[in-house]
Amino acid sequence: IWFAAAEDPVRRADALVIALRERLGLVEIQLEAHDDAQVIFETLNDRG
């Protein structure tokens, strides 16, 4: 539906790629050797 409404579908596809690569953010948490993965999993998932 979105591409059907575009004046220039190729330009829209290029804009989509830029948005996906550069405009979407996540917080990446990397555990280190002394971190307990199970405790962190429970803390994140056992509260509501």
All heavy atoms as atom14 arrays in JSON, in Angstrom:
{
  "sequence": "IWFAAAEDPVRRADALVIALRERLGLVEIQLEAHDDAQVIFETLNDRG",
  "atom14_mask": [
    [1, 1, 1, 1, 1, 1, 1, 1, 0, 0, 0, 0, 0, 0],
    [1, 1, 1, 1, 1, 1, 1, 1, 1, 1, 1, 1, 1, 1],
    [1, 1, 1, 1, 1, 1, 1, 1, 1, 1, 1, 0, 0, 0],
    [1, 1, 1, 1, 1, 0, 0, 0, 0, 0, 0, 0, 0, 0],
    [1, 1, 1, 1, 1, 0, 0, 0, 0, 0, 0, 0, 0, 0],
    [1, 1, 1, 1, 1, 0, 0, 0, 0, 0, 0, 0, 0, 0],
    [1, 1, 1, 1, 1, 1, 1, 1, 1, 0, 0, 0, 0, 0],
    [1, 1, 1, 1, 1, 1, 1, 1, 0, 0, 0, 0, 0, 0],
    [1, 1, 1, 1, 1, 1, 1, 0, 0, 0, 0, 0, 0, 0],
    [1, 1, 1, 1, 1, 1, 1, 0, 0, 0, 0, 0, 0, 0],
    [1, 1, 1, 1, 1, 1, 1, 1, 1, 1, 1, 0, 0, 0],
    [1, 1, 1, 1, 1, 1, 1, 1, 1, 1, 1, 0, 0, 0],
    [1, 1, 1, 1, 1, 0, 0, 0, 0, 0, 0, 0, 0, 0],
    [1, 1, 1, 1, 1, 1, 1, 1, 0, 0, 0, 0, 0, 0],
    [1, 1, 1, 1, 1, 0, 0, 0, 0, 0, 0, 0, 0, 0],
    [1, 1, 1, 1, 1, 1, 1, 1, 0, 0, 0, 0, 0, 0],
    [1, 1, 1, 1, 1, 1, 1, 0, 0, 0, 0, 0, 0, 0],
    [1, 1, 1, 1, 1, 1, 1, 1, 0, 0, 0, 0, 0, 0],
    [1, 1, 1, 1, 1, 0, 0, 0, 0, 0, 0, 0, 0, 0],
    [1, 1, 1, 1, 1, 1, 1, 1, 0, 0, 0, 0, 0, 0],
    [1, 1, 1, 1, 1, 1, 1, 1, 1, 1, 1, 0, 0, 0],
    [1, 1, 1, 1, 1, 1, 1, 1, 1, 0, 0, 0, 0, 0],
    [1, 1, 1, 1, 1, 1, 1, 1, 1, 1, 1, 0, 0, 0],
    [1, 1, 1, 1, 1, 1, 1, 1, 0, 0, 0, 0, 0, 0],
    [1, 1, 1, 1, 0, 0, 0, 0, 0, 0, 0, 0, 0, 0],
    [1, 1, 1, 1, 1, 1, 1, 1, 0, 0, 0, 0, 0, 0],
    [1, 1, 1, 1, 1, 1, 1, 0, 0, 0, 0, 0, 0, 0],
    [1, 1, 1, 1, 1, 1, 1, 1, 1, 0, 0, 0, 0, 0],
    [1, 1, 1, 1, 1, 1, 1, 1, 0, 0, 0, 0, 0, 0],
    [1, 1, 1, 1, 1, 1, 1, 1, 1, 0, 0, 0, 0, 0],
    [1, 1, 1, 1, 1, 1, 1, 1, 0, 0, 0, 0, 0, 0],
    [1, 1, 1, 1, 1, 1, 1, 1, 1, 0, 0, 0, 0, 0],
    [1, 1, 1, 1, 1, 0, 0, 0, 0, 0, 0, 0, 0, 0],
    [1, 1, 1, 1, 1, 1, 1, 1, 1, 1, 0, 0, 0, 0],
    [1, 1, 1, 1, 1, 1, 1, 1, 0, 0, 0, 0, 0, 0],
    [1, 1, 1, 1, 1, 1, 1, 1, 0, 0, 0, 0, 0, 0],
    [1, 1, 1, 1, 1, 0, 0, 0, 0, 0, 0, 0, 0, 0],
    [1, 1, 1, 1, 1, 1, 1, 1, 1, 0, 0, 0, 0, 0],
    [1, 1, 1, 1, 1, 1, 1, 0, 0, 0, 0, 0, 0, 0],
    [1, 1, 1, 1, 1, 1, 1, 1, 0, 0, 0, 0, 0, 0],
    [1, 1, 1, 1, 1, 1, 1, 1, 1, 1, 1, 0, 0, 0],
    [1, 1, 1, 1, 1, 1, 1, 1, 1, 0, 0, 0, 0, 0],
    [1, 1, 1, 1, 1, 1, 1, 0, 0, 0, 0, 0, 0, 0],
    [1, 1, 1, 1, 1, 1, 1, 1, 0, 0, 0, 0, 0, 0],
    [1, 1, 1, 1, 1, 1, 1, 1, 0, 0, 0, 0, 0, 0],
    [1, 1, 1, 1, 1, 1, 1, 1, 0, 0, 0, 0, 0, 0],
    [1, 1, 1, 1, 1, 1, 1, 1, 1, 1, 1, 0, 0, 0],
    [1, 1, 1, 1, 0, 0, 0, 0, 0, 0, 0, 0, 0, 0]
  ],
  "atom14_positions": [
    [[0.84, -1.21, 0.0], [0.0, 0.0, 0.0], [0.87, 1.25, 0.0], [0.61, 2.22, -0.73], [-0.94, -0.01, 1.23], [-1.93, -1.17, 1.13], [-1.66, 1.32, 1.39], [-2.69, -1.43, 2.42], [0.0, 0.0, 0.0], [0.0, 0.0, 0.0], [0.0, 0.0, 0.0], [0.0, 0.0, 0.0], [0.0, 0.0, 0.0], [0.0, 0.0, 0.0]],
    [[1.91, 1.24, 0.8], [2.79, 2.41, 0.96], [3.52, 2.73, -0.34], [3.62, 3.88, -0.76], [3.75, 2.13, 2.11], [4.57, 3.3, 2.56], [4.12, 4.5, 3.03], [6.0, 3.37, 2.57], [5.17, 5.31, 3.36], [6.35, 4.65, 3.09], [7.01, 2.5, 2.23], [7.66, 5.06, 3.25], [8.32, 2.88, 2.39], [8.64, 4.16, 2.89]],
    [[4.06, 1.69, -0.99], [4.77, 1.92, -2.25], [3.82, 2.33, -3.37], [4.18, 3.11, -4.26], [5.57, 0.68, -2.65], [6.94, 0.63, -2.05], [7.24, -0.24, -1.02], [7.94, 1.48, -2.51], [8.5, -0.28, -0.46], [9.22, 1.45, -1.96], [9.5, 0.57, -0.93], [0.0, 0.0, 0.0], [0.0, 0.0, 0.0], [0.0, 0.0, 0.0]],
    [[2.59, 1.82, -3.34], [1.61, 2.18, -4.37], [1.29, 3.67, -4.35], [0.92, 4.25, -5.38], [0.34, 1.36, -4.19], [0.0, 0.0, 0.0], [0.0, 0.0, 0.0], [0.0, 0.0, 0.0], [0.0, 0.0, 0.0], [0.0, 0.0, 0.0], [0.0, 0.0, 0.0], [0.0, 0.0, 0.0], [0.0, 0.0, 0.0], [0.0, 0.0, 0.0]],
    [[1.44, 4.3, -3.19], [1.13, 5.72, -3.05], [2.33, 6.61, -3.36], [2.22, 7.85, -3.3], [0.63, 6.0, -1.63], [0.0, 0.0, 0.0], [0.0, 0.0, 0.0], [0.0, 0.0, 0.0], [0.0, 0.0, 0.0], [0.0, 0.0, 0.0], [0.0, 0.0, 0.0], [0.0, 0.0, 0.0], [0.0, 0.0, 0.0], [0.0, 0.0, 0.0]],
    [[3.49, 6.03, -3.68], [4.72, 6.82, -3.88], [4.79, 7.4, -5.28], [4.46, 6.73, -6.27], [5.94, 5.95, -3.62], [0.0, 0.0, 0.0], [0.0, 0.0, 0.0], [0.0, 0.0, 0.0], [0.0, 0.0, 0.0], [0.0, 0.0, 0.0], [0.0, 0.0, 0.0], [0.0, 0.0, 0.0], [0.0, 0.0, 0.0], [0.0, 0.0, 0.0]],
    [[5.25, 8.65, -5.39], [5.49, 9.26, -6.7], [6.72, 8.62, -7.35], [6.76, 8.43, -8.57], [5.72, 10.76, -6.54], [4.47, 11.52, -6.09], [4.74, 13.01, -5.97], [5.88, 13.45, -6.32], [3.83, 13.73, -5.53], [0.0, 0.0, 0.0], [0.0, 0.0, 0.0], [0.0, 0.0, 0.0], [0.0, 0.0, 0.0], [0.0, 0.0, 0.0]],
    [[7.72, 8.32, -6.52], [8.96, 7.71, -7.02], [9.29, 6.52, -6.12], [9.94, 6.65, -5.08], [10.09, 8.73, -6.99], [11.39, 8.19, -7.59], [11.5, 6.95, -7.72], [12.27, 8.99, -7.91], [0.0, 0.0, 0.0], [0.0, 0.0, 0.0], [0.0, 0.0, 0.0], [0.0, 0.0, 0.0], [0.0, 0.0, 0.0], [0.0, 0.0, 0.0]],
    [[8.83, 5.3, -6.48], [9.03, 4.12, -5.62], [10.5, 3.81, -5.31], [10.82, 3.37, -4.21], [8.38, 2.99, -6.43], [7.39, 3.67, -7.31], [8.01, 4.99, -7.66], [0.0, 0.0, 0.0], [0.0, 0.0, 0.0], [0.0, 0.0, 0.0], [0.0, 0.0, 0.0], [0.0, 0.0, 0.0], [0.0, 0.0, 0.0], [0.0, 0.0, 0.0]],
    [[11.4, 4.06, -6.27], [12.81, 3.76, -6.03], [13.37, 4.71, -4.97], [14.09, 4.28, -4.06], [13.63, 3.85, -7.34], [15.13, 3.73, -7.05], [13.19, 2.77, -8.31], [0.0, 0.0, 0.0], [0.0, 0.0, 0.0], [0.0, 0.0, 0.0], [0.0, 0.0, 0.0], [0.0, 0.0, 0.0], [0.0, 0.0, 0.0], [0.0, 0.0, 0.0]],
    [[13.03, 5.99, -5.09], [13.49, 6.94, -4.08], [12.9, 6.58, -2.72], [13.57, 6.68, -1.69], [13.09, 8.36, -4.48], [13.64, 9.42, -3.5], [13.41, 10.82, -4.03], [11.99, 11.1, -4.21], [11.51, 12.12, -4.9], [12.34, 12.96, -5.51], [10.21, 12.31, -5.0], [0.0, 0.0, 0.0], [0.0, 0.0, 0.0], [0.0, 0.0, 0.0]],
    [[11.64, 6.15, -2.71], [11.02, 5.74, -1.44], [11.75, 4.53, -0.85], [11.95, 4.43, 0.37], [9.54, 5.43, -1.66], [8.82, 4.88, -0.43], [7.33, 5.1, -0.47], [7.0, 6.48, -0.06], [5.77, 6.9, 0.24], [4.75, 6.06, 0.18], [5.55, 8.14, 0.59], [0.0, 0.0, 0.0], [0.0, 0.0, 0.0], [0.0, 0.0, 0.0]],
    [[12.15, 3.59, -1.7], [12.89, 2.42, -1.21], [14.23, 2.83, -0.61], [14.66, 2.31, 0.43], [13.09, 1.42, -2.34], [0.0, 0.0, 0.0], [0.0, 0.0, 0.0], [0.0, 0.0, 0.0], [0.0, 0.0, 0.0], [0.0, 0.0, 0.0], [0.0, 0.0, 0.0], [0.0, 0.0, 0.0], [0.0, 0.0, 0.0], [0.0, 0.0, 0.0]],
    [[14.91, 3.77, -1.27], [16.19, 4.25, -0.73], [15.99, 4.94, 0.62], [16.8, 4.77, 1.55], [16.83, 5.23, -1.72], [17.32, 4.55, -3.0], [17.52, 3.31, -2.96], [17.47, 5.24, -4.02], [0.0, 0.0, 0.0], [0.0, 0.0, 0.0], [0.0, 0.0, 0.0], [0.0, 0.0, 0.0], [0.0, 0.0, 0.0], [0.0, 0.0, 0.0]],
    [[14.91, 5.73, 0.74], [14.61, 6.4, 2.01], [14.31, 5.37, 3.1], [14.72, 5.54, 4.26], [13.43, 7.35, 1.82], [0.0, 0.0, 0.0], [0.0, 0.0, 0.0], [0.0, 0.0, 0.0], [0.0, 0.0, 0.0], [0.0, 0.0, 0.0], [0.0, 0.0, 0.0], [0.0, 0.0, 0.0], [0.0, 0.0, 0.0], [0.0, 0.0, 0.0]],
    [[13.61, 4.31, 2.71], [13.29, 3.25, 3.67], [14.56, 2.62, 4.21], [14.69, 2.38, 5.43], [12.4, 2.19, 2.99], [12.06, 0.95, 3.81], [11.26, 1.32, 5.05], [11.28, -0.06, 2.96], [0.0, 0.0, 0.0], [0.0, 0.0, 0.0], [0.0, 0.0, 0.0], [0.0, 0.0, 0.0], [0.0, 0.0, 0.0], [0.0, 0.0, 0.0]],
    [[15.51, 2.34, 3.36], [16.76, 1.71, 3.79], [17.53, 2.62, 4.74], [18.05, 2.18, 5.78], [17.63, 1.32, 2.58], [19.0, 0.85, 3.05], [16.95, 0.22, 1.78], [0.0, 0.0, 0.0], [0.0, 0.0, 0.0], [0.0, 0.0, 0.0], [0.0, 0.0, 0.0], [0.0, 0.0, 0.0], [0.0, 0.0, 0.0], [0.0, 0.0, 0.0]],
    [[17.6, 3.9, 4.4], [18.3, 4.85, 5.29], [17.62, 4.88, 6.65], [18.3, 4.86, 7.69], [18.32, 6.25, 4.66], [19.2, 6.25, 3.4], [18.84, 7.29, 5.66], [19.11, 7.54, 2.58], [0.0, 0.0, 0.0], [0.0, 0.0, 0.0], [0.0, 0.0, 0.0], [0.0, 0.0, 0.0], [0.0, 0.0, 0.0], [0.0, 0.0, 0.0]],
    [[16.3, 4.92, 6.65], [15.56, 4.95, 7.92], [15.83, 3.69, 8.73], [16.06, 3.75, 9.95], [14.06, 5.11, 7.65], [0.0, 0.0, 0.0], [0.0, 0.0, 0.0], [0.0, 0.0, 0.0], [0.0, 0.0, 0.0], [0.0, 0.0, 0.0], [0.0, 0.0, 0.0], [0.0, 0.0, 0.0], [0.0, 0.0, 0.0], [0.0, 0.0, 0.0]],
    [[15.8, 2.55, 8.07], [16.02, 1.29, 8.78], [17.44, 1.22, 9.35], [17.64, 0.82, 10.51], [15.79, 0.11, 7.84], [14.33, -0.18, 7.44], [14.27, -1.17, 6.28], [13.55, -0.74, 8.64], [0.0, 0.0, 0.0], [0.0, 0.0, 0.0], [0.0, 0.0, 0.0], [0.0, 0.0, 0.0], [0.0, 0.0, 0.0], [0.0, 0.0, 0.0]],
    [[18.4, 1.63, 8.58], [19.8, 1.5, 9.01], [20.18, 2.55, 10.06], [20.9, 2.24, 11.01], [20.73, 1.65, 7.8], [20.74, 0.46, 6.86], [21.48, 0.79, 5.56], [22.84, 1.25, 5.8], [23.91, 0.47, 5.91], [23.78, -0.85, 5.8], [25.11, 0.99, 6.11], [0.0, 0.0, 0.0], [0.0, 0.0, 0.0], [0.0, 0.0, 0.0]],
    [[19.67, 3.79, 9.89], [20.23, 4.9, 10.66], [19.25, 5.59, 11.61], [19.69, 6.31, 12.51], [20.79, 5.96, 9.69], [21.85, 5.41, 8.76], [22.26, 6.42, 7.69], [21.9, 7.61, 7.84], [22.92, 6.01, 6.71], [0.0, 0.0, 0.0], [0.0, 0.0, 0.0], [0.0, 0.0, 0.0], [0.0, 0.0, 0.0], [0.0, 0.0, 0.0]],
    [[17.97, 5.41, 11.42], [17.0, 6.17, 12.21], [16.25, 5.3, 13.23], [15.36, 5.8, 13.91], [15.99, 6.86, 11.29], [16.62, 7.8, 10.28], [17.18, 9.06, 10.91], [17.9, 9.89, 9.94], [17.34, 10.83, 9.19], [16.04, 11.07, 9.29], [18.07, 11.54, 8.35], [0.0, 0.0, 0.0], [0.0, 0.0, 0.0], [0.0, 0.0, 0.0]],
    [[16.57, 4.03, 13.29], [15.96, 3.15, 14.3], [17.01, 2.84, 15.36], [18.11, 2.38, 15.04], [15.46, 1.85, 13.67], [14.4, 1.98, 12.58], [13.95, 0.61, 12.11], [13.21, 2.81, 13.04], [0.0, 0.0, 0.0], [0.0, 0.0, 0.0], [0.0, 0.0, 0.0], [0.0, 0.0, 0.0], [0.0, 0.0, 0.0], [0.0, 0.0, 0.0]],
    [[16.68, 3.12, 16.61], [17.65, 2.92, 17.68], [17.23, 1.87, 18.68], [16.04, 1.66, 18.94], [0.0, 0.0, 0.0], [0.0, 0.0, 0.0], [0.0, 0.0, 0.0], [0.0, 0.0, 0.0], [0.0, 0.0, 0.0], [0.0, 0.0, 0.0], [0.0, 0.0, 0.0], [0.0, 0.0, 0.0], [0.0, 0.0, 0.0], [0.0, 0.0, 0.0]],
    [[18.2, 1.16, 19.23], [17.97, 0.19, 20.3], [19.02, 0.41, 21.39], [20.11, 0.92, 21.1], [18.09, -1.25, 19.79], [17.1, -1.74, 18.75], [17.72, -1.67, 17.37], [16.65, -3.16, 19.06], [0.0, 0.0, 0.0], [0.0, 0.0, 0.0], [0.0, 0.0, 0.0], [0.0, 0.0, 0.0], [0.0, 0.0, 0.0], [0.0, 0.0, 0.0]],
    [[18.69, 0.01, 22.58], [19.7, -0.05, 23.63], [20.24, -1.48, 23.64], [19.5, -2.43, 23.86], [19.12, 0.3, 25.01], [20.15, 0.03, 26.1], [18.69, 1.76, 25.05], [0.0, 0.0, 0.0], [0.0, 0.0, 0.0], [0.0, 0.0, 0.0], [0.0, 0.0, 0.0], [0.0, 0.0, 0.0], [0.0, 0.0, 0.0], [0.0, 0.0, 0.0]],
    [[21.53, -1.61, 23.34], [22.18, -2.91, 23.34], [22.94, -3.07, 24.66], [23.84, -2.28, 24.95], [23.14, -3.04, 22.16], [23.83, -4.4, 22.11], [24.97, -4.41, 21.09], [25.99, -3.74, 21.35], [24.82, -5.09, 20.07], [0.0, 0.0, 0.0], [0.0, 0.0, 0.0], [0.0, 0.0, 0.0], [0.0, 0.0, 0.0], [0.0, 0.0, 0.0]],
    [[22.55, -4.06, 25.42], [23.22, -4.36, 26.69], [24.02, -5.64, 26.49], [23.45, -6.69, 26.2], [22.2, -4.54, 27.83], [21.35, -3.27, 27.99], [22.92, -4.88, 29.14], [20.18, -3.42, 28.96], [0.0, 0.0, 0.0], [0.0, 0.0, 0.0], [0.0, 0.0, 0.0], [0.0, 0.0, 0.0], [0.0, 0.0, 0.0], [0.0, 0.0, 0.0]],
    [[25.33, -5.53, 26.61], [26.18, -6.72, 26.5], [26.68, -7.11, 27.88], [27.24, -6.29, 28.61], [27.36, -6.45, 25.57], [26.99, -6.43, 24.1], [28.19, -6.66, 23.2], [29.14, -7.35, 23.6], [28.14, -6.12, 21.99], [0.0, 0.0, 0.0], [0.0, 0.0, 0.0], [0.0, 0.0, 0.0], [0.0, 0.0, 0.0], [0.0, 0.0, 0.0]],
    [[26.41, -8.36, 28.24], [26.85, -8.85, 29.53], [28.36, -9.13, 29.5], [28.92, -9.5, 28.46], [26.1, -10.13, 29.9], [24.56, -10.03, 29.94], [23.98, -11.32, 30.51], [24.11, -8.83, 30.75], [0.0, 0.0, 0.0], [0.0, 0.0, 0.0], [0.0, 0.0, 0.0], [0.0, 0.0, 0.0], [0.0, 0.0, 0.0], [0.0, 0.0, 0.0]],
    [[28.96, -8.97, 30.67], [30.38, -9.27, 30.8], [30.54, -10.56, 31.59], [29.55, -11.15, 32.07], [31.09, -8.09, 31.46], [30.99, -6.82, 30.59], [31.61, -5.6, 31.23], [31.78, -5.58, 32.46], [31.92, -4.65, 30.48], [0.0, 0.0, 0.0], [0.0, 0.0, 0.0], [0.0, 0.0, 0.0], [0.0, 0.0, 0.0], [0.0, 0.0, 0.0]],
    [[31.75, -11.01, 31.73], [32.01, -12.35, 32.25], [31.4, -12.58, 33.63], [30.93, -13.68, 33.94], [33.52, -12.6, 32.3], [0.0, 0.0, 0.0], [0.0, 0.0, 0.0], [0.0, 0.0, 0.0], [0.0, 0.0, 0.0], [0.0, 0.0, 0.0], [0.0, 0.0, 0.0], [0.0, 0.0, 0.0], [0.0, 0.0, 0.0], [0.0, 0.0, 0.0]],
    [[31.39, -11.55, 34.48], [30.92, -11.74, 35.85], [29.41, -11.56, 35.99], [28.86, -11.74, 37.06], [31.64, -10.77, 36.79], [31.41, -9.34, 36.42], [32.17, -8.7, 35.46], [30.49, -8.44, 36.85], [31.74, -7.45, 35.33], [30.72, -7.27, 36.15], [0.0, 0.0, 0.0], [0.0, 0.0, 0.0], [0.0, 0.0, 0.0], [0.0, 0.0, 0.0]],
    [[28.71, -11.15, 34.91], [27.26, -10.94, 34.99], [26.52, -12.27, 34.96], [26.87, -13.18, 34.18], [26.78, -10.08, 33.82], [27.3, -8.65, 33.92], [27.39, -8.15, 35.06], [27.61, -8.06, 32.87], [0.0, 0.0, 0.0], [0.0, 0.0, 0.0], [0.0, 0.0, 0.0], [0.0, 0.0, 0.0], [0.0, 0.0, 0.0], [0.0, 0.0, 0.0]],
    [[25.47, -12.41, 35.78], [24.65, -13.62, 35.83], [23.47, -13.44, 34.87], [22.53, -12.7, 35.14], [24.13, -13.86, 37.25], [23.47, -15.22, 37.4], [22.77, -15.64, 36.44], [23.63, -15.86, 38.46], [0.0, 0.0, 0.0], [0.0, 0.0, 0.0], [0.0, 0.0, 0.0], [0.0, 0.0, 0.0], [0.0, 0.0, 0.0], [0.0, 0.0, 0.0]],
    [[23.53, -14.14, 33.73], [22.51, -13.97, 32.69], [21.11, -14.33, 33.2], [20.12, -13.67, 32.86], [22.85, -14.84, 31.48], [0.0, 0.0, 0.0], [0.0, 0.0, 0.0], [0.0, 0.0, 0.0], [0.0, 0.0, 0.0], [0.0, 0.0, 0.0], [0.0, 0.0, 0.0], [0.0, 0.0, 0.0], [0.0, 0.0, 0.0], [0.0, 0.0, 0.0]],
    [[21.02, -15.37, 34.03], [19.71, -15.79, 34.52], [19.09, -14.74, 35.45], [17.91, -14.43, 35.35], [19.81, -17.14, 35.25], [18.5, -17.66, 35.82], [17.46, -17.85, 34.73], [17.79, -18.1, 33.58], [16.19, -17.73, 35.1], [0.0, 0.0, 0.0], [0.0, 0.0, 0.0], [0.0, 0.0, 0.0], [0.0, 0.0, 0.0], [0.0, 0.0, 0.0]],
    [[19.89, -14.19, 36.33], [19.37, -13.15, 37.24], [18.87, -11.96, 36.45], [17.81, -11.39, 36.73], [20.46, -12.72, 38.24], [20.03, -11.48, 39.01], [20.76, -13.86, 39.2], [0.0, 0.0, 0.0], [0.0, 0.0, 0.0], [0.0, 0.0, 0.0], [0.0, 0.0, 0.0], [0.0, 0.0, 0.0], [0.0, 0.0, 0.0], [0.0, 0.0, 0.0]],
    [[19.62, -11.56, 35.42], [19.21, -10.42, 34.6], [17.94, -10.74, 33.84], [17.02, -9.93, 33.75], [20.35, -10.03, 33.65], [21.5, -9.43, 34.47], [19.89, -9.05, 32.58], [22.78, -9.28, 33.72], [0.0, 0.0, 0.0], [0.0, 0.0, 0.0], [0.0, 0.0, 0.0], [0.0, 0.0, 0.0], [0.0, 0.0, 0.0], [0.0, 0.0, 0.0]],
    [[17.83, -11.95, 33.3], [16.62, -12.36, 32.59], [15.41, -12.29, 33.52], [14.35, -11.77, 33.16], [16.79, -13.79, 32.06], [15.56, -14.32, 31.36], [15.33, -14.02, 30.04], [14.65, -15.11, 32.04], [14.19, -14.51, 29.39], [13.53, -15.6, 31.41], [13.3, -15.3, 30.08], [0.0, 0.0, 0.0], [0.0, 0.0, 0.0], [0.0, 0.0, 0.0]],
    [[15.55, -12.81, 34.73], [14.44, -12.8, 35.69], [14.06, -11.38, 36.07], [12.87, -11.04, 36.17], [14.83, -13.59, 36.94], [15.0, -15.08, 36.68], [15.72, -15.77, 37.82], [15.88, -15.15, 38.89], [16.14, -16.93, 37.65], [0.0, 0.0, 0.0], [0.0, 0.0, 0.0], [0.0, 0.0, 0.0], [0.0, 0.0, 0.0], [0.0, 0.0, 0.0]],
    [[15.06, -10.54, 36.29], [14.78, -9.15, 36.68], [14.01, -8.43, 35.59], [13.07, -7.68, 35.86], [16.1, -8.41, 36.95], [16.82, -9.1, 37.97], [15.84, -6.99, 37.42], [0.0, 0.0, 0.0], [0.0, 0.0, 0.0], [0.0, 0.0, 0.0], [0.0, 0.0, 0.0], [0.0, 0.0, 0.0], [0.0, 0.0, 0.0], [0.0, 0.0, 0.0]],
    [[14.37, -8.68, 34.33], [13.71, -8.01, 33.22], [12.31, -8.56, 32.95], [11.45, -7.86, 32.46], [14.55, -8.15, 31.95], [15.86, -7.36, 31.92], [16.7, -7.81, 30.74], [15.58, -5.87, 31.84], [0.0, 0.0, 0.0], [0.0, 0.0, 0.0], [0.0, 0.0, 0.0], [0.0, 0.0, 0.0], [0.0, 0.0, 0.0], [0.0, 0.0, 0.0]],
    [[12.08, -9.83, 33.3], [10.86, -10.5, 32.85], [9.91, -10.94, 33.94], [8.83, -11.44, 33.63], [11.24, -11.73, 32.0], [11.85, -11.32, 30.69], [11.17, -10.81, 29.82], [13.16, -11.5, 30.56], [0.0, 0.0, 0.0], [0.0, 0.0, 0.0], [0.0, 0.0, 0.0], [0.0, 0.0, 0.0], [0.0, 0.0, 0.0], [0.0, 0.0, 0.0]],
    [[10.26, -10.78, 35.2], [9.38, -11.25, 36.27], [8.68, -10.08, 36.96], [8.21, -10.21, 38.07], [10.19, -12.05, 37.3], [9.27, -12.83, 38.24], [8.17, -13.2, 37.81], [9.66, -13.05, 39.41], [0.0, 0.0, 0.0], [0.0, 0.0, 0.0], [0.0, 0.0, 0.0], [0.0, 0.0, 0.0], [0.0, 0.0, 0.0], [0.0, 0.0, 0.0]],
    [[8.65, -8.92, 36.29], [8.06, -7.74, 36.94], [7.07, -7.06, 36.01], [7.35, -6.07, 35.36], [9.16, -6.77, 37.36], [10.06, -7.4, 38.42], [11.18, -6.49, 38.86], [12.04, -7.18, 39.8], [13.16, -6.66, 40.27], [13.55, -5.46, 39.9], [13.9, -7.34, 41.12], [0.0, 0.0, 0.0], [0.0, 0.0, 0.0], [0.0, 0.0, 0.0]],
    [[5.87, -7.63, 35.95], [4.79, -6.97, 35.26], [4.77, -7.12, 33.75], [4.06, -6.4, 33.08], [0.0, 0.0, 0.0], [0.0, 0.0, 0.0], [0.0, 0.0, 0.0], [0.0, 0.0, 0.0], [0.0, 0.0, 0.0], [0.0, 0.0, 0.0], [0.0, 0.0, 0.0], [0.0, 0.0, 0.0], [0.0, 0.0, 0.0], [0.0, 0.0, 0.0]]
  ]
}
